[in-house]
Amino acid sequence: MTDTGMADMLLELMEPAIGRIRERATRGRELEAWGLHPQPLSPGSSLARDDHGFAQELGDDSLVSATSMWPAMAATDNLAAVHRLFDRGDFPRKLYAPSTMNLCRTAMESAARVIWQLCPEDQDERRRRVLGVLATEFSDQKNFIAITKNAHDSGDMRLSDEAYADLLLHEKQFNDRFDFVKAADKVKVPSFREAITEADAWLSNHPAAHDDERMARGLAFGCKRFYNLGSGMVHGRNWVHDYASTPSALFKMMADGFGAAVFVTECAVALFEARAVDPAAPMTREPHYPDRLARTVGKWAALYS
């Protein structure tokens, strides 16, 4: 048998896993429209109430919704990118497995953080979680500002006088916001691994109505396992070959990881919509998400009415 014939036979044997990958890639792509069409919150929504009058010292009247909208959009964008990797004539002969793993892993990380941030039914707790997220983000941003400023001062990247003055003004305004956040009552943000566990715990107590395939069952185990395997593959760790040394093992790993990433992202989108819509006036917000999520959105919206 020729090499081509052998490859065709192997692909035929792995068709069930390949089919799951294709189905989940399509399912992930169907979230893209939601990420590309952000829209205003319904005025009577719980998310709008969270935003109203909160931490006005930071100069942002959409603080709660904005800090959860962006990571949710990023998760849907990652899944749309993965679909494009599979929507090619050379799939499955060319897998781009590390790229796929990386995109799925980051989608899962962002989506789990969104669920962790939005899920508490107590408004004060939700707001404290937002302040915790901002404290983490501001720490990273402070380093970015310092790198830019030091590069100018050392001559590695000289800014114009006008640009440097803008940088100094921005730094002062940023430091004022950071000082406010550091002094505020807030929640310590869990690591991405911990956020996945907490998201799983919440989903176990509040099952997604659209989960017809029971994807939530064993979600924490599946996510943690995929997270480790995906991390090892993305960073080129040789130990991954112990578990993905054959084509069948690799395809199964990708199918399972894809399933976890897509389901967690679907739940993040559904929870954001549940918090962003006014149950008394649902038509004030256009559903850019797939129809299958509507049941979950309605079920979860009732928790925050």
C-alpha atoms as a PDB file:
ATOM      1  CA  MET A   1       0.000   0.000   0.000  1.00  0.00           C
ATOM      2  CA  THR A   2       1.278   3.483  -0.831  1.00  0.00           C
ATOM      3  CA  ASP A   3       1.909   6.117   1.820  1.00  0.00           C
ATOM      4  CA  THR A   4      -1.096   8.051   0.509  1.00  0.00           C
ATOM      5  CA  GLY A   5      -3.287   4.972   0.718  1.00  0.00           C
ATOM      6  CA  MET A   6      -2.178   4.278   4.273  1.00  0.00           C
ATOM      7  CA  ALA A   7      -2.893   7.887   5.263  1.00  0.00           C
ATOM      8  CA  ASP A   8      -6.377   7.678   3.734  1.00  0.00           C
ATOM      9  CA  MET A   9      -7.081   4.471   5.645  1.00  0.00           C
ATOM     10  CA  LEU A  10      -5.959   6.052   8.929  1.00  0.00           C
ATOM     11  CA  LEU A  11      -8.137   9.098   8.342  1.00  0.00           C
ATOM     12  CA  GLU A  12     -11.114   6.860   7.651  1.00  0.00           C
ATOM     13  CA  LEU A  13     -10.569   5.072  10.954  1.00  0.00           C
ATOM     14  CA  MET A  14     -10.459   8.413  12.763  1.00  0.00           C
ATOM     15  CA  GLU A  15     -13.566   9.802  11.066  1.00  0.00           C
ATOM     16  CA  PRO A  16     -15.649   9.825  14.303  1.00  0.00           C
ATOM     17  CA  ALA A  17     -13.123  12.127  16.033  1.00  0.00           C
ATOM     18  CA  ILE A  18     -12.709  14.202  12.866  1.00  0.00           C
ATOM     19  CA  GLY A  19     -16.476  14.576  12.686  1.00  0.00           C
ATOM     20  CA  ARG A  20     -16.615  15.816  16.279  1.00  0.00           C
ATOM     21  CA  ILE A  21     -13.881  18.343  15.528  1.00  0.00           C
ATOM     22  CA  ARG A  22     -15.759  19.643  12.475  1.00  0.00           C
ATOM     23  CA  GLU A  23     -19.050  19.864  14.373  1.00  0.00           C
ATOM     24  CA  ARG A  24     -17.479  21.698  17.299  1.00  0.00           C
ATOM     25  CA  ALA A  25     -15.525  24.025  15.003  1.00  0.00           C
ATOM     26  CA  THR A  26     -18.802  24.996  13.330  1.00  0.00           C
ATOM     27  CA  ARG A  27     -20.466  25.406  16.707  1.00  0.00           C
ATOM     28  CA  GLY A  28     -17.659  27.727  17.806  1.00  0.00           C
ATOM     29  CA  ARG A  29     -17.898  29.784  14.610  1.00  0.00           C
ATOM     30  CA  GLU A  30     -21.603  30.364  15.244  1.00  0.00           C
ATOM     31  CA  LEU A  31     -20.622  32.518  18.234  1.00  0.00           C
ATOM     32  CA  GLU A  32     -18.624  34.897  16.032  1.00  0.00           C
ATOM     33  CA  ALA A  33     -21.598  37.117  15.138  1.00  0.00           C
ATOM     34  CA  TRP A  34     -22.201  37.821  18.829  1.00  0.00           C
ATOM     35  CA  GLY A  35     -18.594  38.903  19.323  1.00  0.00           C
ATOM     36  CA  LEU A  36     -18.697  41.152  16.270  1.00  0.00           C
ATOM     37  CA  HIS A  37     -21.925  42.938  17.223  1.00  0.00           C
ATOM     38  CA  PRO A  38     -21.662  44.415  20.736  1.00  0.00           C
ATOM     39  CA  GLN A  39     -24.765  46.369  21.623  1.00  0.00           C
ATOM     40  CA  PRO A  40     -26.032  48.547  24.458  1.00  0.00           C
ATOM     41  CA  LEU A  41     -27.394  46.897  27.579  1.00  0.00           C
ATOM     42  CA  SER A  42     -31.131  46.815  28.120  1.00  0.00           C
ATOM     43  CA  PRO A  43     -31.793  49.734  30.508  1.00  0.00           C
ATOM     44  CA  GLY A  44     -33.611  47.510  33.018  1.00  0.00           C
ATOM     45  CA  SER A  45     -31.036  44.708  32.995  1.00  0.00           C
ATOM     46  CA  SER A  46     -29.122  43.580  36.055  1.00  0.00           C
ATOM     47  CA  LEU A  47     -25.851  44.425  34.298  1.00  0.00           C
ATOM     48  CA  ALA A  48     -27.029  47.984  33.676  1.00  0.00           C
ATOM     49  CA  ARG A  49     -27.869  48.235  37.373  1.00  0.00           C
ATOM     50  CA  ASP A  50     -24.370  46.972  38.231  1.00  0.00           C
ATOM     51  CA  ASP A  51     -22.843  49.695  36.056  1.00  0.00           C
ATOM     52  CA  HIS A  52     -25.026  52.517  37.362  1.00  0.00           C
ATOM     53  CA  GLY A  53     -23.214  54.737  39.866  1.00  0.00           C
ATOM     54  CA  PHE A  54     -20.442  52.226  40.469  1.00  0.00           C
ATOM     55  CA  ALA A  55     -16.879  53.443  41.178  1.00  0.00           C
ATOM     56  CA  GLN A  56     -17.433  56.788  39.477  1.00  0.00           C
ATOM     57  CA  GLU A  57     -13.940  57.824  40.577  1.00  0.00           C
ATOM     58  CA  LEU A  58     -12.621  55.653  37.735  1.00  0.00           C
ATOM     59  CA  GLY A  59     -14.453  57.700  35.100  1.00  0.00           C
ATOM     60  CA  ASP A  60     -16.166  54.755  33.397  1.00  0.00           C
ATOM     61  CA  ASP A  61     -19.955  54.411  33.448  1.00  0.00           C
ATOM     62  CA  SER A  62     -19.858  50.842  32.066  1.00  0.00           C
ATOM     63  CA  LEU A  63     -17.237  49.374  34.360  1.00  0.00           C
ATOM     64  CA  VAL A  64     -18.867  46.023  35.138  1.00  0.00           C
ATOM     65  CA  SER A  65     -20.152  45.289  31.647  1.00  0.00           C
ATOM     66  CA  ALA A  66     -16.968  46.413  29.895  1.00  0.00           C
ATOM     67  CA  THR A  67     -14.656  44.242  31.989  1.00  0.00           C
ATOM     68  CA  SER A  68     -16.702  41.166  31.061  1.00  0.00           C
ATOM     69  CA  MET A  69     -17.639  42.047  27.478  1.00  0.00           C
ATOM     70  CA  TRP A  70     -14.074  42.172  26.172  1.00  0.00           C
ATOM     71  CA  PRO A  71     -12.881  38.743  27.395  1.00  0.00           C
ATOM     72  CA  ALA A  72     -16.132  37.184  26.148  1.00  0.00           C
ATOM     73  CA  MET A  73     -15.568  38.742  22.725  1.00  0.00           C
ATOM     74  CA  ALA A  74     -11.953  37.560  22.758  1.00  0.00           C
ATOM     75  CA  ALA A  75     -13.102  33.992  23.467  1.00  0.00           C
ATOM     76  CA  THR A  76     -15.515  33.995  20.517  1.00  0.00           C
ATOM     77  CA  ASP A  77     -12.831  35.442  18.258  1.00  0.00           C
ATOM     78  CA  ASN A  78     -10.395  32.671  19.207  1.00  0.00           C
ATOM     79  CA  LEU A  79     -12.974  30.022  18.327  1.00  0.00           C
ATOM     80  CA  ALA A  80     -13.746  31.719  15.014  1.00  0.00           C
ATOM     81  CA  ALA A  81     -10.028  31.632  14.208  1.00  0.00           C
ATOM     82  CA  VAL A  82      -9.864  27.913  15.005  1.00  0.00           C
ATOM     83  CA  HIS A  83     -12.770  27.276  12.630  1.00  0.00           C
ATOM     84  CA  ARG A  84     -10.795  28.929   9.864  1.00  0.00           C
ATOM     85  CA  LEU A  85      -7.932  26.532  10.501  1.00  0.00           C
ATOM     86  CA  PHE A  86     -10.306  23.620   9.917  1.00  0.00           C
ATOM     87  CA  ASP A  87     -12.271  25.195   7.077  1.00  0.00           C
ATOM     88  CA  ARG A  88      -9.502  24.455   4.589  1.00  0.00           C
ATOM     89  CA  GLY A  89      -9.062  21.934   1.842  1.00  0.00           C
ATOM     90  CA  ASP A  90      -6.019  20.338   3.483  1.00  0.00           C
ATOM     91  CA  PHE A  91      -7.761  19.461   6.769  1.00  0.00           C
ATOM     92  CA  PRO A  92      -7.329  16.925   8.325  1.00  0.00           C
ATOM     93  CA  ARG A  93      -4.026  16.143   6.652  1.00  0.00           C
ATOM     94  CA  LYS A  94      -2.659  19.353   8.178  1.00  0.00           C
ATOM     95  CA  LEU A  95      -3.817  19.963  11.731  1.00  0.00           C
ATOM     96  CA  TYR A  96      -1.926  22.957  13.117  1.00  0.00           C
ATOM     97  CA  ALA A  97      -2.407  21.203  16.447  1.00  0.00           C
ATOM     98  CA  PRO A  98      -0.350  23.594  18.645  1.00  0.00           C
ATOM     99  CA  SER A  99      -2.146  26.632  17.201  1.00  0.00           C
ATOM    100  CA  THR A 100      -5.516  24.966  17.716  1.00  0.00           C
ATOM    101  CA  MET A 101      -4.663  24.041  21.295  1.00  0.00           C
ATOM    102  CA  ASN A 102      -3.494  27.555  22.079  1.00  0.00           C
ATOM    103  CA  LEU A 103      -6.606  29.226  20.668  1.00  0.00           C
ATOM    104  CA  CYS A 104      -8.933  26.797  22.452  1.00  0.00           C
ATOM    105  CA  ARG A 105      -7.053  27.164  25.719  1.00  0.00           C
ATOM    106  CA  THR A 106      -7.168  30.970  25.678  1.00  0.00           C
ATOM    107  CA  ALA A 107     -10.857  30.923  24.728  1.00  0.00           C
ATOM    108  CA  MET A 108     -11.512  28.676  27.717  1.00  0.00           C
ATOM    109  CA  GLU A 109      -9.479  30.908  30.050  1.00  0.00           C
ATOM    110  CA  SER A 110     -11.273  34.094  29.008  1.00  0.00           C
ATOM    111  CA  ALA A 111     -14.735  32.510  29.094  1.00  0.00           C
ATOM    112  CA  ALA A 112     -14.226  30.957  32.545  1.00  0.00           C
ATOM    113  CA  ARG A 113     -13.129  34.327  33.921  1.00  0.00           C
ATOM    114  CA  VAL A 114     -16.301  35.928  32.513  1.00  0.00           C
ATOM    115  CA  ILE A 115     -18.481  33.322  34.243  1.00  0.00           C
ATOM    116  CA  TRP A 116     -16.611  33.780  37.522  1.00  0.00           C
ATOM    117  CA  GLN A 117     -17.057  37.536  37.349  1.00  0.00           C
ATOM    118  CA  LEU A 118     -20.736  37.646  36.362  1.00  0.00           C
ATOM    119  CA  CYS A 119     -22.270  34.686  38.186  1.00  0.00           C
ATOM    120  CA  PRO A 120     -22.802  35.852  41.829  1.00  0.00           C
ATOM    121  CA  GLU A 121     -26.377  36.788  42.594  1.00  0.00           C
ATOM    122  CA  ASP A 122     -25.236  39.413  45.114  1.00  0.00           C
ATOM    123  CA  GLN A 123     -24.459  42.749  43.442  1.00  0.00           C
ATOM    124  CA  ASP A 124     -21.830  43.800  45.986  1.00  0.00           C
ATOM    125  CA  GLU A 125     -19.949  40.566  45.376  1.00  0.00           C
ATOM    126  CA  ARG A 126     -20.057  41.079  41.603  1.00  0.00           C
ATOM    127  CA  ARG A 127     -18.698  44.584  41.986  1.00  0.00           C
ATOM    128  CA  ARG A 128     -15.917  43.438  44.317  1.00  0.00           C
ATOM    129  CA  ARG A 129     -14.912  40.872  41.720  1.00  0.00           C
ATOM    130  CA  VAL A 130     -14.730  43.580  39.062  1.00  0.00           C
ATOM    131  CA  LEU A 131     -12.450  45.642  41.265  1.00  0.00           C
ATOM    132  CA  GLY A 132     -10.274  42.568  41.770  1.00  0.00           C
ATOM    133  CA  VAL A 133     -10.021  42.095  38.005  1.00  0.00           C
ATOM    134  CA  LEU A 134      -9.104  45.760  37.576  1.00  0.00           C
ATOM    135  CA  ALA A 135      -6.383  45.495  40.229  1.00  0.00           C
ATOM    136  CA  THR A 136      -4.825  42.614  38.305  1.00  0.00           C
ATOM    137  CA  GLU A 137      -5.112  44.393  34.978  1.00  0.00           C
ATOM    138  CA  PHE A 138      -3.768  47.668  36.354  1.00  0.00           C
ATOM    139  CA  SER A 139      -0.674  45.858  37.639  1.00  0.00           C
ATOM    140  CA  ASP A 140       0.040  44.675  34.104  1.00  0.00           C
ATOM    141  CA  GLN A 141      -0.734  48.102  32.675  1.00  0.00           C
ATOM    142  CA  LYS A 142       1.627  49.789  35.137  1.00  0.00           C
ATOM    143  CA  ASN A 143       4.458  47.619  33.804  1.00  0.00           C
ATOM    144  CA  PHE A 144       3.553  48.546  30.226  1.00  0.00           C
ATOM    145  CA  ILE A 145       3.648  52.265  31.023  1.00  0.00           C
ATOM    146  CA  ALA A 146       6.983  51.856  32.820  1.00  0.00           C
ATOM    147  CA  ILE A 147       8.501  49.981  29.855  1.00  0.00           C
ATOM    148  CA  THR A 148       7.422  52.726  27.460  1.00  0.00           C
ATOM    149  CA  LYS A 149       8.657  55.513  29.716  1.00  0.00           C
ATOM    150  CA  ASN A 150      12.001  53.814  30.411  1.00  0.00           C
ATOM    151  CA  ALA A 151      12.556  53.230  26.703  1.00  0.00           C
ATOM    152  CA  HIS A 152      12.112  56.949  26.081  1.00  0.00           C
ATOM    153  CA  ASP A 153      14.331  57.973  28.985  1.00  0.00           C
ATOM    154  CA  SER A 154      17.101  55.592  27.910  1.00  0.00           C
ATOM    155  CA  GLY A 155      16.889  56.603  24.263  1.00  0.00           C
ATOM    156  CA  ASP A 156      15.837  53.159  23.041  1.00  0.00           C
ATOM    157  CA  MET A 157      12.547  54.578  21.734  1.00  0.00           C
ATOM    158  CA  ARG A 158      12.388  58.357  21.773  1.00  0.00           C
ATOM    159  CA  LEU A 159       8.942  59.920  21.755  1.00  0.00           C
ATOM    160  CA  SER A 160       8.122  63.339  20.405  1.00  0.00           C
ATOM    161  CA  ASP A 161       7.724  66.096  22.998  1.00  0.00           C
ATOM    162  CA  GLU A 162       3.969  66.030  22.494  1.00  0.00           C
ATOM    163  CA  ALA A 163       3.754  62.229  22.766  1.00  0.00           C
ATOM    164  CA  TYR A 164       5.920  62.230  25.898  1.00  0.00           C
ATOM    165  CA  ALA A 165       3.768  64.903  27.533  1.00  0.00           C
ATOM    166  CA  ASP A 166       0.687  62.814  26.728  1.00  0.00           C
ATOM    167  CA  LEU A 167       2.377  59.774  28.267  1.00  0.00           C
ATOM    168  CA  LEU A 168       3.130  61.643  31.512  1.00  0.00           C
ATOM    169  CA  LEU A 169      -0.458  62.920  31.732  1.00  0.00           C
ATOM    170  CA  HIS A 170      -1.778  59.431  31.051  1.00  0.00           C
ATOM    171  CA  GLU A 171       0.542  58.009  33.728  1.00  0.00           C
ATOM    172  CA  LYS A 172      -0.737  60.486  36.319  1.00  0.00           C
ATOM    173  CA  GLN A 173      -4.374  59.745  35.516  1.00  0.00           C
ATOM    174  CA  PHE A 174      -3.649  56.030  35.559  1.00  0.00           C
ATOM    175  CA  ASN A 175      -1.896  56.209  38.939  1.00  0.00           C
ATOM    176  CA  ASP A 176      -4.913  58.009  40.410  1.00  0.00           C
ATOM    177  CA  ARG A 177      -7.204  55.203  39.194  1.00  0.00           C
ATOM    178  CA  PHE A 178      -4.810  52.526  40.404  1.00  0.00           C
ATOM    179  CA  ASP A 179      -4.583  54.112  43.863  1.00  0.00           C
ATOM    180  CA  PHE A 180      -8.369  54.053  44.087  1.00  0.00           C
ATOM    181  CA  VAL A 181      -8.546  50.374  43.106  1.00  0.00           C
ATOM    182  CA  LYS A 182      -5.764  49.352  45.490  1.00  0.00           C
ATOM    183  CA  ALA A 183      -7.641  50.931  48.401  1.00  0.00           C
ATOM    184  CA  ALA A 184     -11.044  49.545  47.393  1.00  0.00           C
ATOM    185  CA  ASP A 185     -12.778  46.532  48.907  1.00  0.00           C
ATOM    186  CA  LYS A 186     -12.226  43.787  46.341  1.00  0.00           C
ATOM    187  CA  VAL A 187     -11.922  40.058  45.779  1.00  0.00           C
ATOM    188  CA  LYS A 188      -8.651  38.345  44.937  1.00  0.00           C
ATOM    189  CA  VAL A 189      -8.892  37.104  41.361  1.00  0.00           C
ATOM    190  CA  PRO A 190      -8.411  33.353  40.950  1.00  0.00           C
ATOM    191  CA  SER A 191      -5.845  31.954  38.557  1.00  0.00           C
ATOM    192  CA  PHE A 192      -7.193  30.766  35.226  1.00  0.00           C
ATOM    193  CA  ARG A 193      -7.076  27.174  36.460  1.00  0.00           C
ATOM    194  CA  GLU A 194      -9.000  28.153  39.593  1.00  0.00           C
ATOM    195  CA  ALA A 195     -11.519  30.167  37.564  1.00  0.00           C
ATOM    196  CA  ILE A 196     -12.250  27.077  35.460  1.00  0.00           C
ATOM    197  CA  THR A 197     -12.968  25.096  38.634  1.00  0.00           C
ATOM    198  CA  GLU A 198     -15.233  27.839  39.999  1.00  0.00           C
ATOM    199  CA  ALA A 199     -17.045  28.192  36.674  1.00  0.00           C
ATOM    200  CA  ASP A 200     -17.634  24.432  36.684  1.00  0.00           C
ATOM    201  CA  ALA A 201     -19.027  24.579  40.231  1.00  0.00           C
ATOM    202  CA  TRP A 202     -21.473  27.308  39.250  1.00  0.00           C
ATOM    203  CA  LEU A 203     -22.545  25.473  36.083  1.00  0.00           C
ATOM    204  CA  SER A 204     -23.090  22.304  38.118  1.00  0.00           C
ATOM    205  CA  ASN A 205     -25.539  24.193  40.338  1.00  0.00           C
ATOM    206  CA  HIS A 206     -27.101  26.096  37.433  1.00  0.00           C
ATOM    207  CA  PRO A 207     -27.125  23.674  34.475  1.00  0.00           C
ATOM    208  CA  ALA A 208     -27.213  25.236  31.021  1.00  0.00           C
ATOM    209  CA  ALA A 209     -30.604  24.518  29.451  1.00  0.00           C
ATOM    210  CA  HIS A 210     -29.017  24.073  26.015  1.00  0.00           C
ATOM    211  CA  ASP A 211     -26.616  21.354  27.218  1.00  0.00           C
ATOM    212  CA  ASP A 212     -28.365  18.546  25.362  1.00  0.00           C
ATOM    213  CA  GLU A 213     -25.081  16.641  24.983  1.00  0.00           C
ATOM    214  CA  ARG A 214     -24.365  16.830  28.738  1.00  0.00           C
ATOM    215  CA  MET A 215     -21.070  18.556  28.002  1.00  0.00           C
ATOM    216  CA  ALA A 216     -21.004  20.065  31.491  1.00  0.00           C
ATOM    217  CA  ARG A 217     -20.585  16.623  33.038  1.00  0.00           C
ATOM    218  CA  GLY A 218     -16.964  16.306  34.087  1.00  0.00           C
ATOM    219  CA  LEU A 219     -16.256  19.795  32.768  1.00  0.00           C
ATOM    220  CA  ALA A 220     -13.694  20.704  35.432  1.00  0.00           C
ATOM    221  CA  PHE A 221     -11.743  17.488  34.846  1.00  0.00           C
ATOM    222  CA  GLY A 222     -11.897  17.909  31.071  1.00  0.00           C
ATOM    223  CA  CYS A 223     -10.867  21.552  31.168  1.00  0.00           C
ATOM    224  CA  LYS A 224      -7.995  20.992  33.603  1.00  0.00           C
ATOM    225  CA  ARG A 225      -6.717  18.013  31.604  1.00  0.00           C
ATOM    226  CA  PHE A 226      -6.948  19.861  28.316  1.00  0.00           C
ATOM    227  CA  TYR A 227      -5.386  22.955  29.868  1.00  0.00           C
ATOM    228  CA  ASN A 228      -2.304  20.977  30.877  1.00  0.00           C
ATOM    229  CA  LEU A 229      -2.033  19.124  27.583  1.00  0.00           C
ATOM    230  CA  GLY A 230      -2.645  22.289  25.588  1.00  0.00           C
ATOM    231  CA  SER A 231      -0.065  24.202  27.584  1.00  0.00           C
ATOM    232  CA  GLY A 232       2.505  21.491  27.022  1.00  0.00           C
ATOM    233  CA  MET A 233       1.844  21.406  23.282  1.00  0.00           C
ATOM    234  CA  VAL A 234       1.816  25.179  22.847  1.00  0.00           C
ATOM    235  CA  HIS A 235       5.157  25.535  24.623  1.00  0.00           C
ATOM    236  CA  GLY A 236       6.737  22.581  22.850  1.00  0.00           C
ATOM    237  CA  ARG A 237       7.011  20.272  25.864  1.00  0.00           C
ATOM    238  CA  ASN A 238       8.066  16.760  24.914  1.00  0.00           C
ATOM    239  CA  TRP A 239       6.026  15.085  27.656  1.00  0.00           C
ATOM    240  CA  VAL A 240       2.854  15.649  25.612  1.00  0.00           C
ATOM    241  CA  HIS A 241       3.994  12.934  23.201  1.00  0.00           C
ATOM    242  CA  ASP A 242       3.302  10.361  25.906  1.00  0.00           C
ATOM    243  CA  TYR A 243      -0.399  11.111  25.391  1.00  0.00           C
ATOM    244  CA  ALA A 244      -0.562  12.235  21.754  1.00  0.00           C
ATOM    245  CA  SER A 245       1.949   9.967  20.091  1.00  0.00           C
ATOM    246  CA  THR A 246      -0.596   8.417  17.715  1.00  0.00           C
ATOM    247  CA  PRO A 247      -2.942  10.146  15.258  1.00  0.00           C
ATOM    248  CA  SER A 248      -6.010   8.706  17.010  1.00  0.00           C
ATOM    249  CA  ALA A 249      -4.890  10.040  20.416  1.00  0.00           C
ATOM    250  CA  LEU A 250      -4.133  13.460  18.952  1.00  0.00           C
ATOM    251  CA  PHE A 251      -7.488  13.729  17.187  1.00  0.00           C
ATOM    252  CA  LYS A 252      -9.336  12.669  20.319  1.00  0.00           C
ATOM    253  CA  MET A 253      -7.413  15.185  22.395  1.00  0.00           C
ATOM    254  CA  MET A 254      -8.302  17.965  19.984  1.00  0.00           C
ATOM    255  CA  ALA A 255     -11.964  16.959  19.832  1.00  0.00           C
ATOM    256  CA  ASP A 256     -12.252  16.856  23.631  1.00  0.00           C
ATOM    257  CA  GLY A 257     -10.423  20.158  24.066  1.00  0.00           C
ATOM    258  CA  PHE A 258     -12.548  21.792  21.414  1.00  0.00           C
ATOM    259  CA  GLY A 259     -15.697  20.590  23.147  1.00  0.00           C
ATOM    260  CA  ALA A 260     -14.633  22.084  26.486  1.00  0.00           C
ATOM    261  CA  ALA A 261     -13.615  25.428  24.949  1.00  0.00           C
ATOM    262  CA  VAL A 262     -16.802  25.789  22.908  1.00  0.00           C
ATOM    263  CA  PHE A 263     -19.135  24.875  25.757  1.00  0.00           C
ATOM    264  CA  VAL A 264     -17.497  27.209  28.291  1.00  0.00           C
ATOM    265  CA  THR A 265     -17.565  30.052  25.752  1.00  0.00           C
ATOM    266  CA  GLU A 266     -21.235  29.382  24.959  1.00  0.00           C
ATOM    267  CA  CYS A 267     -21.996  29.609  28.669  1.00  0.00           C
ATOM    268  CA  ALA A 268     -20.039  32.860  29.028  1.00  0.00           C
ATOM    269  CA  VAL A 269     -22.012  34.405  26.152  1.00  0.00           C
ATOM    270  CA  ALA A 270     -25.308  33.103  27.557  1.00  0.00           C
ATOM    271  CA  LEU A 271     -24.548  34.443  31.039  1.00  0.00           C
ATOM    272  CA  PHE A 272     -23.543  37.844  29.688  1.00  0.00           C
ATOM    273  CA  GLU A 273     -26.796  37.994  27.704  1.00  0.00           C
ATOM    274  CA  ALA A 274     -28.787  36.851  30.726  1.00  0.00           C
ATOM    275  CA  ARG A 275     -27.299  39.721  32.695  1.00  0.00           C
ATOM    276  CA  ALA A 276     -27.591  42.240  29.814  1.00  0.00           C
ATOM    277  CA  VAL A 277     -31.264  41.728  28.943  1.00  0.00           C
ATOM    278  CA  ASP A 278     -34.329  42.985  30.804  1.00  0.00           C
ATOM    279  CA  PRO A 279     -36.594  39.923  31.239  1.00  0.00           C
ATOM    280  CA  ALA A 280     -39.584  42.261  31.206  1.00  0.00           C
ATOM    281  CA  ALA A 281     -38.563  43.687  27.811  1.00  0.00           C
ATOM    282  CA  PRO A 282     -36.465  41.023  26.025  1.00  0.00           C
ATOM    283  CA  MET A 283     -36.981  42.527  22.560  1.00  0.00           C
ATOM    284  CA  THR A 284     -34.862  45.564  23.486  1.00  0.00           C
ATOM    285  CA  ARG A 285     -31.762  43.487  22.778  1.00  0.00           C
ATOM    286  CA  GLU A 286     -31.167  41.687  19.484  1.00  0.00           C
ATOM    287  CA  PRO A 287     -30.000  38.075  19.927  1.00  0.00           C
ATOM    288  CA  HIS A 288     -26.857  37.726  17.840  1.00  0.00           C
ATOM    289  CA  TYR A 289     -26.106  34.454  19.604  1.00  0.00           C
ATOM    290  CA  PRO A 290     -27.207  31.037  18.227  1.00  0.00           C
ATOM    291  CA  ASP A 291     -30.848  30.084  18.809  1.00  0.00           C
ATOM    292  CA  ARG A 292     -29.808  27.118  20.932  1.00  0.00           C
ATOM    293  CA  LEU A 293     -28.613  29.469  23.696  1.00  0.00           C
ATOM    294  CA  ALA A 294     -31.994  31.208  24.088  1.00  0.00           C
ATOM    295  CA  ARG A 295     -33.267  28.678  26.639  1.00  0.00           C
ATOM    296  CA  THR A 296     -30.175  29.129  28.781  1.00  0.00           C
ATOM    297  CA  VAL A 297     -30.318  32.931  28.536  1.00  0.00           C
ATOM    298  CA  GLY A 298     -33.945  32.933  29.696  1.00  0.00           C
ATOM    299  CA  LYS A 299     -33.278  30.504  32.525  1.00  0.00           C
ATOM    300  CA  TRP A 300     -30.285  32.409  33.883  1.00  0.00           C
ATOM    301  CA  ALA A 301     -31.869  35.857  33.420  1.00  0.00           C
ATOM    302  CA  ALA A 302     -34.494  34.869  35.988  1.00  0.00           C
ATOM    303  CA  LEU A 303     -31.737  34.578  38.614  1.00  0.00           C
ATOM    304  CA  TYR A 304     -30.974  38.298  38.413  1.00  0.00           C
ATOM    305  CA  SER A 305     -34.394  39.874  37.851  1.00  0.00           C
END
